[in-house]
C-alpha cells in the first residue's frame, strides 16, 4: 500500500510540476533515466517508453480530475465526506487496474526485479519531491 501511495503522490506531483514545463518532456526524461538505471538495450527501451508514458499519463489524469476540488474536511457535510470516501475507493480501483495493465505489458520483456526497481526509482523521486516541498514551505 505504501508503494501505491508513493507512486500516486509522485504522479500527482509531476502533474503539478508539468504546469511550468512540458509534461511530455518530463516523461521522456524520466523514461530515459529509468531505462538507463535498468540498463535496457535499445529495443527494450523503445518498448518500455510508450508503455511507461501511457501509464504516467493515465495516472496523472486521475489526479488532475481531483485537483482543485478539495476543501477542508471540517468544512464538508457528512454526505460530502462519504462521497469523497467512495470516490477514493473508485480511484484506488482505477489505479490498481492501470498498474496491473502496465505490469502485464512490461512483464513481456522485463523481469519482476526490473519492474520492482522502477517502483523503487519512483519512490525515491517522490521522497525528493516531498523533501523539496517541505524545505520550500519552511522558508
Foldseek 3Di string as FASTA:
>chain_A
DVLLVLLLLLLQVLLVVCVVPPSVVVLVVLLVVLCVVLVPDPVLSVQLSVLSVVLSVVSNVLVVVVPPVDDDPVPDDPVVVVVVVVSVVVSVVVNVVSVVVSCVSNVVPDPPVSVVVSSVVSNVVSVVVVVVVVVVVVD
